[in-house]
C-alpha atoms as a PDB file:
ATOM      1  CA  MET A   1       1.752  -3.504  14.255  1.00  0.00           C
ATOM      2  CA  ALA A   2       4.890  -1.607  13.239  1.00  0.00           C
ATOM      3  CA  GLN A   3       6.167  -4.704  11.461  1.00  0.00           C
ATOM      4  CA  GLN A   4       2.906  -4.939   9.486  1.00  0.00           C
ATOM      5  CA  ARG A   5       3.288  -1.313   8.352  1.00  0.00           C
ATOM      6  CA  SER A   6       6.897  -1.975   7.391  1.00  0.00           C
ATOM      7  CA  CYS A   7       5.905  -5.009   5.309  1.00  0.00           C
ATOM      8  CA  GLY A   8       3.152  -2.993   3.618  1.00  0.00           C
ATOM      9  CA  ALA A   9       5.589  -0.194   2.827  1.00  0.00           C
ATOM     10  CA  LEU A  10       8.041  -2.716   1.437  1.00  0.00           C
ATOM     11  CA  ARG A  11       5.418  -4.136  -0.912  1.00  0.00           C
ATOM     12  CA  MET A  12       4.525  -0.632  -2.092  1.00  0.00           C
ATOM     13  CA  VAL A  13       8.171   0.243  -2.795  1.00  0.00           C
ATOM     14  CA  MET A  14       8.540  -2.784  -5.022  1.00  0.00           C
ATOM     15  CA  ARG A  15       5.472  -2.064  -7.180  1.00  0.00           C
ATOM     16  CA  ASN A  16       5.991  -0.414 -10.546  1.00  0.00           C
ATOM     17  CA  ASP A  17       2.556   1.211 -10.632  1.00  0.00           C
ATOM     18  CA  VAL A  18       3.208   3.374  -7.554  1.00  0.00           C
ATOM     19  CA  ASN A  19       5.036   6.714  -7.644  1.00  0.00           C
ATOM     20  CA  PRO A  20       7.684   6.295  -4.906  1.00  0.00           C
ATOM     21  CA  ASP A  21       8.605   9.981  -5.043  1.00  0.00           C
ATOM     22  CA  LYS A  22       5.146  11.513  -4.662  1.00  0.00           C
ATOM     23  CA  PRO A  23       5.069  14.105  -1.878  1.00  0.00           C
ATOM     24  CA  ASP A  24       2.285  14.482   0.669  1.00  0.00           C
ATOM     25  CA  ARG A  25       0.701  17.832   1.659  1.00  0.00           C
ATOM     26  CA  GLN A  26       3.828  18.735   3.644  1.00  0.00           C
ATOM     27  CA  GLY A  27       5.966  18.007   0.620  1.00  0.00           C
ATOM     28  CA  ARG A  28       7.467  14.926   2.270  1.00  0.00           C
ATOM     29  CA  THR A  29       8.170  11.924   0.102  1.00  0.00           C
ATOM     30  CA  PRO A  30       8.299   8.285   1.192  1.00  0.00           C
ATOM     31  CA  LEU A  31      12.098   8.680   1.325  1.00  0.00           C
ATOM     32  CA  SER A  32      11.734  11.639   3.698  1.00  0.00           C
ATOM     33  CA  TRP A  33       9.401   9.706   5.995  1.00  0.00           C
ATOM     34  CA  THR A  34      11.515   6.548   6.059  1.00  0.00           C
ATOM     35  CA  SER A  35      14.703   8.592   6.599  1.00  0.00           C
ATOM     36  CA  MET A  36      13.014  10.447   9.437  1.00  0.00           C
ATOM     37  CA  SER A  37      11.990   7.137  11.032  1.00  0.00           C
ATOM     38  CA  GLY A  38      15.280   5.329  10.471  1.00  0.00           C
ATOM     39  CA  HIS A  39      13.965   2.484   8.294  1.00  0.00           C
ATOM     40  CA  GLU A  40      17.308   1.599   6.720  1.00  0.00           C
ATOM     41  CA  GLY A  41      16.087  -1.275   4.545  1.00  0.00           C
ATOM     42  CA  ILE A  42      13.326   0.726   2.917  1.00  0.00           C
ATOM     43  CA  VAL A  43      15.594   3.769   2.514  1.00  0.00           C
ATOM     44  CA  ARG A  44      18.119   1.550   0.727  1.00  0.00           C
ATOM     45  CA  MET A  45      15.422   0.190  -1.598  1.00  0.00           C
ATOM     46  CA  LEU A  46      14.141   3.668  -2.400  1.00  0.00           C
ATOM     47  CA  LEU A  47      17.658   4.938  -3.096  1.00  0.00           C
ATOM     48  CA  GLU A  48      18.168   2.091  -5.569  1.00  0.00           C
ATOM     49  CA  ARG A  49      15.247   3.300  -7.677  1.00  0.00           C
ATOM     50  CA  ASN A  50      15.911   5.674 -10.570  1.00  0.00           C
ATOM     51  CA  ASP A  51      12.569   7.421 -10.081  1.00  0.00           C
ATOM     52  CA  VAL A  52      13.353   8.698  -6.568  1.00  0.00           C
ATOM     53  CA  ASN A  53      15.050  12.062  -6.019  1.00  0.00           C
ATOM     54  CA  PRO A  54      17.155  11.658  -2.847  1.00  0.00           C
ATOM     55  CA  GLY A  55      17.663  15.404  -2.452  1.00  0.00           C
ATOM     56  CA  LYS A  56      14.022  16.458  -2.807  1.00  0.00           C
ATOM     57  CA  PRO A  57      13.140  19.006  -0.094  1.00  0.00           C
ATOM     58  CA  ASP A  58       9.784  19.259   1.663  1.00  0.00           C
ATOM     59  CA  LYS A  59       7.861  22.524   2.210  1.00  0.00           C
ATOM     60  CA  ASP A  60      10.284  23.482   4.998  1.00  0.00           C
ATOM     61  CA  GLN A  61      13.204  22.739   2.638  1.00  0.00           C
ATOM     62  CA  ARG A  62      14.266  19.721   4.731  1.00  0.00           C
ATOM     63  CA  THR A  63      15.726  16.862   2.709  1.00  0.00           C
ATOM     64  CA  PRO A  64      15.745  13.173   3.600  1.00  0.00           C
ATOM     65  CA  LEU A  65      19.382  13.589   4.732  1.00  0.00           C
ATOM     66  CA  SER A  66      18.362  16.492   6.946  1.00  0.00           C
ATOM     67  CA  TRP A  67      15.641  14.380   8.582  1.00  0.00           C
ATOM     68  CA  ALA A  68      17.983  11.430   9.155  1.00  0.00           C
ATOM     69  CA  SER A  69      20.590  13.800  10.619  1.00  0.00           C
ATOM     70  CA  ARG A  70      18.149  15.579  12.909  1.00  0.00           C
ATOM     71  CA  ASN A  71      16.810  12.295  14.279  1.00  0.00           C
ATOM     72  CA  GLY A  72      20.190  10.632  14.703  1.00  0.00           C
ATOM     73  CA  HIS A  73      19.775   7.802  12.216  1.00  0.00           C
ATOM     74  CA  GLU A  74      23.446   7.187  11.502  1.00  0.00           C
ATOM     75  CA  GLY A  75      22.852   4.158   9.273  1.00  0.00           C
ATOM     76  CA  VAL A  76      20.455   6.115   7.084  1.00  0.00           C
ATOM     77  CA  ALA A  77      22.686   9.200   7.019  1.00  0.00           C
ATOM     78  CA  ARG A  78      25.580   6.996   5.906  1.00  0.00           C
ATOM     79  CA  MET A  79      23.656   6.017   2.743  1.00  0.00           C
ATOM     80  CA  PHE A  80      23.371   9.571   1.392  1.00  0.00           C
ATOM     81  CA  PRO A  81      27.031  10.643   1.152  1.00  0.00           C
ATOM     82  CA  GLU A  82      27.575   7.698  -1.188  1.00  0.00           C
ATOM     83  CA  ARG A  83      25.452   9.559  -3.718  1.00  0.00           C
ATOM     84  CA  ASN A  84      26.679  12.458  -5.824  1.00  0.00           C
ATOM     85  CA  ASP A  85      23.157  13.862  -6.290  1.00  0.00           C
ATOM     86  CA  VAL A  86      22.653  14.784  -2.619  1.00  0.00           C
ATOM     87  CA  ASN A  87      23.773  18.202  -1.400  1.00  0.00           C
ATOM     88  CA  PRO A  88      25.070  17.770   2.180  1.00  0.00           C
ATOM     89  CA  ASN A  89      24.929  21.556   2.667  1.00  0.00           C
ATOM     90  CA  LYS A  90      21.278  22.009   1.651  1.00  0.00           C
ATOM     91  CA  GLU A  91      19.702  24.523   4.014  1.00  0.00           C
ATOM     92  CA  ASP A  92      16.174  24.218   5.364  1.00  0.00           C
ATOM     93  CA  LYS A  93      13.971  27.307   5.767  1.00  0.00           C
ATOM     94  CA  TRP A  94      15.828  28.167   8.998  1.00  0.00           C
ATOM     95  CA  CYS A  95      19.178  27.972   7.114  1.00  0.00           C
ATOM     96  CA  ARG A  96      20.103  24.835   9.084  1.00  0.00           C
ATOM     97  CA  THR A  97      22.121  22.161   7.269  1.00  0.00           C
ATOM     98  CA  PRO A  98      22.166  18.419   7.985  1.00  0.00           C
ATOM     99  CA  LEU A  99      25.405  18.966   9.951  1.00  0.00           C
ATOM    100  CA  SER A 100      23.895  21.685  12.120  1.00  0.00           C
ATOM    101  CA  ARG A 101      20.761  19.559  12.687  1.00  0.00           C
ATOM    102  CA  ALA A 102      22.860  16.582  13.801  1.00  0.00           C
ATOM    103  CA  GLY A 103      25.042  18.782  15.986  1.00  0.00           C
ATOM    104  CA  GLU A 104      22.183  20.572  17.719  1.00  0.00           C
ATOM    105  CA  SER A 105      20.614  17.218  18.576  1.00  0.00           C
ATOM    106  CA  GLY A 106      23.883  15.742  19.872  1.00  0.00           C
ATOM    107  CA  HIS A 107      24.088  12.947  17.296  1.00  0.00           C
ATOM    108  CA  GLU A 108      27.859  12.442  17.252  1.00  0.00           C
ATOM    109  CA  GLY A 109      27.738   9.435  14.929  1.00  0.00           C
ATOM    110  CA  VAL A 110      25.861  11.371  12.269  1.00  0.00           C
ATOM    111  CA  VAL A 111      28.221  14.327  12.683  1.00  0.00           C
ATOM    112  CA  ARG A 112      31.166  11.975  12.053  1.00  0.00           C
ATOM    113  CA  VAL A 113      29.478  10.553   8.941  1.00  0.00           C
ATOM    114  CA  LEU A 114      28.919  14.026   7.533  1.00  0.00           C
ATOM    115  CA  LEU A 115      32.437  15.210   8.362  1.00  0.00           C
ATOM    116  CA  GLU A 116      33.877  12.270   6.411  1.00  0.00           C
ATOM    117  CA  ARG A 117      32.834  14.157   3.287  1.00  0.00           C
ATOM    118  CA  ASN A 118      35.195  16.802   1.954  1.00  0.00           C
ATOM    119  CA  ASP A 119      32.348  18.986   0.710  1.00  0.00           C
ATOM    120  CA  VAL A 120      30.528  19.650   4.000  1.00  0.00           C
ATOM    121  CA  ASP A 121      30.646  23.309   5.059  1.00  0.00           C
ATOM    122  CA  THR A 122      31.458  23.255   8.780  1.00  0.00           C
ATOM    123  CA  ASP A 123      31.165  27.035   9.194  1.00  0.00           C
ATOM    124  CA  LYS A 124      27.809  27.715   7.524  1.00  0.00           C
ATOM    125  CA  PRO A 125      25.763  30.016   9.802  1.00  0.00           C
ATOM    126  CA  ASP A 126      21.989  29.749  10.168  1.00  0.00           C
ATOM    127  CA  LYS A 127      19.502  32.657  10.450  1.00  0.00           C
ATOM    128  CA  LEU A 128      20.654  33.299  14.030  1.00  0.00           C
ATOM    129  CA  CYS A 129      24.312  33.366  12.880  1.00  0.00           C
ATOM    130  CA  LEU A 130      24.993  30.066  14.682  1.00  0.00           C
ATOM    131  CA  THR A 131      27.388  27.622  13.050  1.00  0.00           C
ATOM    132  CA  PRO A 132      27.283  23.835  13.534  1.00  0.00           C
ATOM    133  CA  LEU A 133      30.029  24.162  16.169  1.00  0.00           C
ATOM    134  CA  SER A 134      28.020  26.649  18.194  1.00  0.00           C
END
């Protein structure tokens, strides 16, 4: 069943008459959902499209990178730092960054991927004054 959904999503991504960046009621785009679920192939295809904004936040201000980081999808998280149009320090509504989301969930691989960038703020506190290290 999951494979059928994946094939259907793949066909939709390839169509030119479908808006691949249209958000749902929560403000989540197909890229957010596939990043959240760890579907690397579909994430890669969406990132190759010019009509997809890879840094688009949902209603809670979580970006696709934030979702991949929170859920420990290292392969997906690795695709975003390659892009210059993704802010790795984008805060969600709780002032949590992708690094703090990966750290709080214990996803060491994603933390390493994010720390490979020179522009990741490792000391950015959230609303409770907690930093990614804490």
